[in-house]
N, C-alpha and C. Protein backbone atom coordinates (compact mmCIF):
# COMPACT_ATOMS: atom_id res chain seq x y z
N MET A 1 0.84 -1.17 0.00
CA MET A 1 0.00 0.00 0.00
C MET A 1 0.89 1.23 0.00
N SER A 2 0.76 2.06 -0.99
CA SER A 2 1.45 3.34 -1.00
C SER A 2 0.62 4.29 -1.84
N GLY A 3 0.92 5.53 -1.76
CA GLY A 3 0.14 6.51 -2.51
C GLY A 3 0.83 7.84 -2.49
N ALA A 4 0.09 8.84 -2.91
CA ALA A 4 0.62 10.19 -2.95
C ALA A 4 0.85 10.71 -1.53
N TYR A 5 1.81 11.58 -1.41
CA TYR A 5 2.05 12.23 -0.13
C TYR A 5 0.92 13.21 0.14
N ARG A 6 0.52 13.31 1.40
CA ARG A 6 -0.50 14.27 1.84
C ARG A 6 0.08 15.05 3.01
N LEU A 7 -0.30 16.31 3.08
CA LEU A 7 0.11 17.15 4.20
C LEU A 7 -0.80 16.84 5.38
N LEU A 8 -0.21 16.53 6.53
CA LEU A 8 -0.98 16.27 7.75
C LEU A 8 -0.35 17.00 8.92
N VAL A 9 -1.17 17.24 9.93
CA VAL A 9 -0.67 17.70 11.21
C VAL A 9 -0.59 16.45 12.07
N VAL A 10 0.59 16.20 12.62
CA VAL A 10 0.81 15.01 13.45
C VAL A 10 1.31 15.46 14.82
N GLU A 11 1.26 14.54 15.78
CA GLU A 11 1.68 14.88 17.14
C GLU A 11 2.39 13.71 17.78
N SER A 12 3.27 14.02 18.72
CA SER A 12 3.92 12.96 19.48
C SER A 12 3.04 12.60 20.67
N PHE A 13 3.11 11.33 21.07
CA PHE A 13 2.34 10.85 22.21
C PHE A 13 3.06 9.64 22.80
N GLU A 14 2.72 9.31 24.05
CA GLU A 14 3.31 8.14 24.69
C GLU A 14 2.41 6.94 24.51
N LEU A 15 3.00 5.84 24.03
CA LEU A 15 2.27 4.58 23.91
C LEU A 15 2.03 4.01 25.30
N GLY A 16 0.88 3.41 25.50
CA GLY A 16 0.62 2.75 26.78
C GLY A 16 1.52 1.53 26.95
N SER A 17 1.81 0.86 25.83
CA SER A 17 2.67 -0.31 25.83
C SER A 17 3.48 -0.26 24.55
N THR A 18 4.78 -0.50 24.63
CA THR A 18 5.61 -0.40 23.44
C THR A 18 5.40 -1.57 22.48
N SER A 19 4.94 -2.69 22.95
CA SER A 19 4.65 -3.90 22.17
C SER A 19 5.21 -3.89 20.75
N GLY A 20 6.50 -4.12 20.65
CA GLY A 20 7.14 -4.20 19.35
C GLY A 20 7.71 -2.89 18.83
N HIS A 21 7.45 -1.81 19.51
CA HIS A 21 7.97 -0.51 19.09
C HIS A 21 9.24 -0.19 19.85
N ARG A 22 10.18 0.41 19.15
CA ARG A 22 11.48 0.74 19.74
C ARG A 22 11.36 1.83 20.80
N ASP A 23 10.51 2.80 20.54
CA ASP A 23 10.40 3.96 21.43
C ASP A 23 9.02 4.02 22.08
N PRO A 24 8.94 4.43 23.35
CA PRO A 24 7.64 4.61 23.99
C PRO A 24 6.90 5.84 23.46
N VAL A 25 7.63 6.76 22.81
CA VAL A 25 7.01 7.95 22.22
C VAL A 25 6.88 7.69 20.72
N GLN A 26 5.69 7.93 20.18
CA GLN A 26 5.41 7.70 18.77
C GLN A 26 4.74 8.95 18.19
N ILE A 27 4.53 8.93 16.88
CA ILE A 27 3.88 10.04 16.18
C ILE A 27 2.60 9.52 15.53
N ARG A 28 1.52 10.31 15.60
CA ARG A 28 0.24 9.95 15.00
C ARG A 28 -0.42 11.19 14.41
N PRO A 29 -1.38 10.99 13.49
CA PRO A 29 -2.13 12.14 12.97
C PRO A 29 -3.01 12.75 14.07
N VAL A 30 -3.17 14.06 14.03
CA VAL A 30 -4.11 14.74 14.90
C VAL A 30 -5.51 14.40 14.36
N ALA A 31 -6.47 14.22 15.24
CA ALA A 31 -7.84 13.87 14.85
C ALA A 31 -8.44 14.90 13.89
N GLY A 32 -9.36 14.42 13.03
CA GLY A 32 -10.10 15.30 12.13
C GLY A 32 -9.50 15.42 10.75
N GLN A 33 -8.57 14.53 10.40
CA GLN A 33 -7.93 14.57 9.09
C GLN A 33 -8.23 13.30 8.30
N SER A 34 -7.55 13.12 7.19
CA SER A 34 -7.84 12.00 6.30
C SER A 34 -7.38 10.64 6.83
N TYR A 35 -6.55 10.62 7.87
CA TYR A 35 -6.11 9.38 8.48
C TYR A 35 -6.43 9.42 9.97
N PRO A 36 -6.83 8.29 10.55
CA PRO A 36 -7.20 8.30 11.98
C PRO A 36 -5.98 8.37 12.90
N PRO A 37 -6.19 8.87 14.12
CA PRO A 37 -5.11 8.95 15.09
C PRO A 37 -4.59 7.58 15.54
N THR A 38 -5.28 6.53 15.15
CA THR A 38 -4.83 5.18 15.51
C THR A 38 -3.67 4.70 14.62
N MET A 39 -3.45 5.38 13.49
CA MET A 39 -2.33 5.01 12.62
C MET A 39 -1.06 5.67 13.13
N LEU A 40 0.03 4.91 13.17
CA LEU A 40 1.31 5.47 13.59
C LEU A 40 2.09 5.94 12.38
N LEU A 41 3.03 6.83 12.63
CA LEU A 41 3.85 7.42 11.57
C LEU A 41 5.30 6.94 11.71
N GLU A 42 5.83 6.39 10.64
CA GLU A 42 7.25 6.04 10.56
C GLU A 42 7.96 7.31 10.10
N CYS A 43 8.89 7.81 10.93
CA CYS A 43 9.49 9.11 10.63
C CYS A 43 10.89 9.19 11.23
N SER A 44 11.47 10.35 11.11
CA SER A 44 12.79 10.60 11.72
C SER A 44 12.73 10.37 13.22
N ARG A 45 13.75 9.71 13.75
CA ARG A 45 13.81 9.47 15.20
C ARG A 45 13.94 10.78 15.97
N ARG A 46 14.37 11.84 15.29
CA ARG A 46 14.47 13.14 15.97
C ARG A 46 13.10 13.62 16.44
N MET A 47 12.03 13.26 15.68
CA MET A 47 10.69 13.72 16.04
C MET A 47 10.20 13.12 17.36
N VAL A 48 10.74 11.97 17.76
CA VAL A 48 10.33 11.35 19.02
C VAL A 48 11.36 11.56 20.13
N ASN A 49 12.36 12.38 19.86
CA ASN A 49 13.38 12.69 20.85
C ASN A 49 12.82 13.75 21.80
N THR A 50 12.49 13.33 23.02
CA THR A 50 11.85 14.25 23.96
C THR A 50 12.79 15.32 24.50
N LEU A 51 14.09 15.18 24.26
CA LEU A 51 15.03 16.25 24.62
C LEU A 51 14.90 17.40 23.63
N LEU A 52 14.50 17.10 22.40
CA LEU A 52 14.30 18.13 21.37
C LEU A 52 12.85 18.62 21.33
N TYR A 53 11.91 17.68 21.43
CA TYR A 53 10.48 17.98 21.28
C TYR A 53 9.70 17.26 22.37
N PRO A 54 9.11 17.99 23.32
CA PRO A 54 8.35 17.33 24.38
C PRO A 54 7.15 16.56 23.83
N VAL A 55 6.70 15.55 24.58
CA VAL A 55 5.51 14.79 24.20
C VAL A 55 4.35 15.76 24.03
N GLY A 56 3.61 15.60 22.95
CA GLY A 56 2.49 16.50 22.65
C GLY A 56 2.83 17.54 21.60
N THR A 57 4.10 17.60 21.18
CA THR A 57 4.50 18.54 20.14
C THR A 57 3.78 18.19 18.84
N LYS A 58 3.31 19.21 18.15
CA LYS A 58 2.64 19.01 16.86
C LYS A 58 3.59 19.42 15.73
N PHE A 59 3.50 18.69 14.63
CA PHE A 59 4.35 18.92 13.47
C PHE A 59 3.50 18.96 12.20
N LYS A 60 3.98 19.66 11.20
CA LYS A 60 3.41 19.62 9.86
C LYS A 60 4.29 18.64 9.08
N ALA A 61 3.67 17.61 8.49
CA ALA A 61 4.47 16.58 7.81
C ALA A 61 3.79 16.09 6.55
N TRP A 62 4.61 15.74 5.55
CA TRP A 62 4.13 15.11 4.32
C TRP A 62 4.21 13.61 4.54
N VAL A 63 3.07 12.93 4.45
CA VAL A 63 3.01 11.50 4.73
C VAL A 63 2.35 10.74 3.60
N GLN A 64 2.62 9.45 3.56
CA GLN A 64 1.92 8.56 2.64
C GLN A 64 1.67 7.25 3.36
N PRO A 65 0.61 6.53 2.97
CA PRO A 65 0.36 5.23 3.60
C PRO A 65 1.43 4.23 3.18
N LYS A 66 1.71 3.29 4.08
CA LYS A 66 2.74 2.29 3.81
C LYS A 66 2.33 0.97 4.46
N GLN A 67 2.66 -0.12 3.82
CA GLN A 67 2.40 -1.44 4.38
C GLN A 67 3.65 -2.29 4.23
N LYS A 68 4.27 -2.63 5.35
CA LYS A 68 5.42 -3.52 5.35
C LYS A 68 4.91 -4.93 5.64
N THR A 69 5.55 -5.92 5.05
CA THR A 69 5.18 -7.30 5.33
C THR A 69 5.30 -7.56 6.82
N GLY A 70 4.25 -8.10 7.41
CA GLY A 70 4.26 -8.43 8.83
C GLY A 70 3.95 -7.26 9.75
N CYS A 71 3.64 -6.09 9.19
CA CYS A 71 3.33 -4.91 10.01
C CYS A 71 1.93 -4.40 9.70
N LYS A 72 1.36 -3.69 10.65
CA LYS A 72 0.07 -3.03 10.43
C LYS A 72 0.27 -1.90 9.42
N PRO A 73 -0.78 -1.55 8.66
CA PRO A 73 -0.68 -0.36 7.81
C PRO A 73 -0.34 0.85 8.68
N HIS A 74 0.53 1.68 8.17
CA HIS A 74 0.95 2.87 8.91
C HIS A 74 1.28 3.97 7.91
N LEU A 75 1.68 5.11 8.42
CA LEU A 75 2.04 6.24 7.57
C LEU A 75 3.55 6.39 7.56
N TYR A 76 4.06 6.95 6.48
CA TYR A 76 5.50 7.14 6.31
C TYR A 76 5.79 8.60 5.99
N CYS A 77 6.81 9.14 6.64
CA CYS A 77 7.32 10.48 6.38
C CYS A 77 8.82 10.34 6.16
N ASN A 78 9.33 10.86 5.07
CA ASN A 78 10.75 10.72 4.77
C ASN A 78 11.58 11.31 5.90
N HIS A 79 12.53 10.55 6.39
CA HIS A 79 13.35 11.00 7.53
C HIS A 79 14.24 12.19 7.19
N ARG A 80 14.40 12.48 5.90
CA ARG A 80 15.22 13.64 5.50
C ARG A 80 14.40 14.92 5.37
N ASP A 81 13.07 14.81 5.45
CA ASP A 81 12.23 16.01 5.37
C ASP A 81 12.52 16.94 6.54
N LYS A 82 12.39 18.23 6.30
CA LYS A 82 12.56 19.22 7.36
C LYS A 82 11.48 19.04 8.41
N ILE A 83 11.86 19.09 9.67
CA ILE A 83 10.89 18.99 10.77
C ILE A 83 10.31 20.37 11.02
N VAL A 84 8.98 20.47 10.93
CA VAL A 84 8.29 21.75 11.11
C VAL A 84 7.32 21.64 12.28
N VAL A 85 7.64 22.34 13.37
CA VAL A 85 6.79 22.36 14.56
C VAL A 85 5.71 23.41 14.34
N VAL A 86 4.47 23.07 14.76
CA VAL A 86 3.36 24.04 14.68
C VAL A 86 2.70 24.15 16.04
N SER A 87 2.17 25.33 16.32
CA SER A 87 1.45 25.55 17.57
C SER A 87 0.06 24.91 17.46
N ASP A 88 -0.64 24.83 18.58
CA ASP A 88 -2.01 24.29 18.55
C ASP A 88 -2.90 25.14 17.64
N THR A 89 -2.74 26.46 17.70
CA THR A 89 -3.53 27.35 16.85
C THR A 89 -3.22 27.13 15.37
N GLU A 90 -1.93 27.04 15.04
CA GLU A 90 -1.53 26.77 13.65
C GLU A 90 -2.05 25.41 13.19
N ALA A 91 -2.02 24.42 14.08
CA ALA A 91 -2.50 23.08 13.74
C ALA A 91 -3.98 23.12 13.39
N MET A 92 -4.79 23.79 14.22
CA MET A 92 -6.23 23.89 13.95
C MET A 92 -6.49 24.61 12.63
N LYS A 93 -5.72 25.67 12.37
CA LYS A 93 -5.88 26.44 11.13
C LYS A 93 -5.53 25.57 9.92
N LEU A 94 -4.43 24.84 9.99
CA LEU A 94 -4.02 23.97 8.89
C LEU A 94 -5.07 22.90 8.61
N ILE A 95 -5.57 22.27 9.67
CA ILE A 95 -6.59 21.23 9.49
C ILE A 95 -7.83 21.81 8.84
N ALA A 96 -8.24 22.98 9.28
CA ALA A 96 -9.42 23.64 8.68
C ALA A 96 -9.17 23.96 7.22
N GLU A 97 -7.99 24.49 6.88
CA GLU A 97 -7.65 24.81 5.49
C GLU A 97 -7.64 23.56 4.62
N MET A 98 -7.12 22.46 5.16
CA MET A 98 -7.04 21.23 4.39
C MET A 98 -8.44 20.67 4.13
N LYS A 99 -9.36 20.83 5.09
CA LYS A 99 -10.73 20.36 4.89
C LYS A 99 -11.43 21.17 3.81
N ILE A 100 -11.19 22.47 3.80
CA ILE A 100 -11.83 23.34 2.81
C ILE A 100 -11.23 23.13 1.43
N GLY A 101 -9.91 23.11 1.36
CA GLY A 101 -9.24 23.04 0.06
C GLY A 101 -8.87 21.66 -0.40
N GLY A 102 -9.00 20.67 0.48
CA GLY A 102 -8.61 19.32 0.11
C GLY A 102 -7.15 19.24 -0.30
N VAL A 103 -6.30 19.94 0.42
CA VAL A 103 -4.89 20.02 0.05
C VAL A 103 -4.21 18.67 0.19
N SER A 104 -3.57 18.25 -0.87
CA SER A 104 -2.72 17.07 -0.85
C SER A 104 -1.70 17.28 -1.95
N GLY A 105 -0.72 16.45 -1.97
CA GLY A 105 0.29 16.59 -3.01
C GLY A 105 0.61 15.25 -3.61
N ALA A 106 0.81 15.21 -4.89
CA ALA A 106 1.25 13.98 -5.52
C ALA A 106 2.70 13.76 -5.17
N LYS A 107 3.12 12.52 -5.19
CA LYS A 107 4.49 12.17 -4.85
C LYS A 107 5.45 13.05 -5.64
N GLY A 108 6.30 13.77 -4.93
CA GLY A 108 7.28 14.62 -5.58
C GLY A 108 6.76 16.01 -5.91
N ALA A 109 5.45 16.22 -5.87
CA ALA A 109 4.89 17.54 -6.17
C ALA A 109 4.05 17.97 -4.99
N ARG A 110 4.66 18.64 -4.06
CA ARG A 110 3.98 18.99 -2.82
C ARG A 110 3.39 20.39 -2.90
N VAL A 111 2.21 20.53 -2.35
CA VAL A 111 1.51 21.80 -2.35
C VAL A 111 1.67 22.42 -0.98
N GLU A 112 2.14 23.63 -0.91
CA GLU A 112 2.34 24.30 0.37
C GLU A 112 1.13 25.14 0.73
N LEU A 113 0.85 25.20 2.02
CA LEU A 113 -0.19 26.07 2.54
C LEU A 113 0.47 27.30 3.14
N ASN A 114 -0.23 28.39 3.14
CA ASN A 114 0.26 29.58 3.83
C ASN A 114 -0.04 29.41 5.29
N ALA A 115 0.98 29.03 6.05
CA ALA A 115 0.77 28.80 7.48
C ALA A 115 1.55 29.78 8.32
């Protein structure tokens, strides 16, 4: 499973149980977008580094669905992408803009929002 990259607002959170995950802190989509908060994001380990970004930090990220053999479907963000932190207010604004404009980007052709 793969597809075009989409712009999402994601956030760090603590897993109740690591069950197979390397880090107790993971990244998920913020509720109200095209992917549910139950999907995890495969991304740069810097995003889950709590010395750099406390749990609950929100980020703007380009993601695509991914399915690895033996793994649950999840989202993927290129680890070389720039990490962009957004405030709660910016996150709500971005989500609202994406709902109105249906902003997404095809792989390699990303559409930027004025944030």
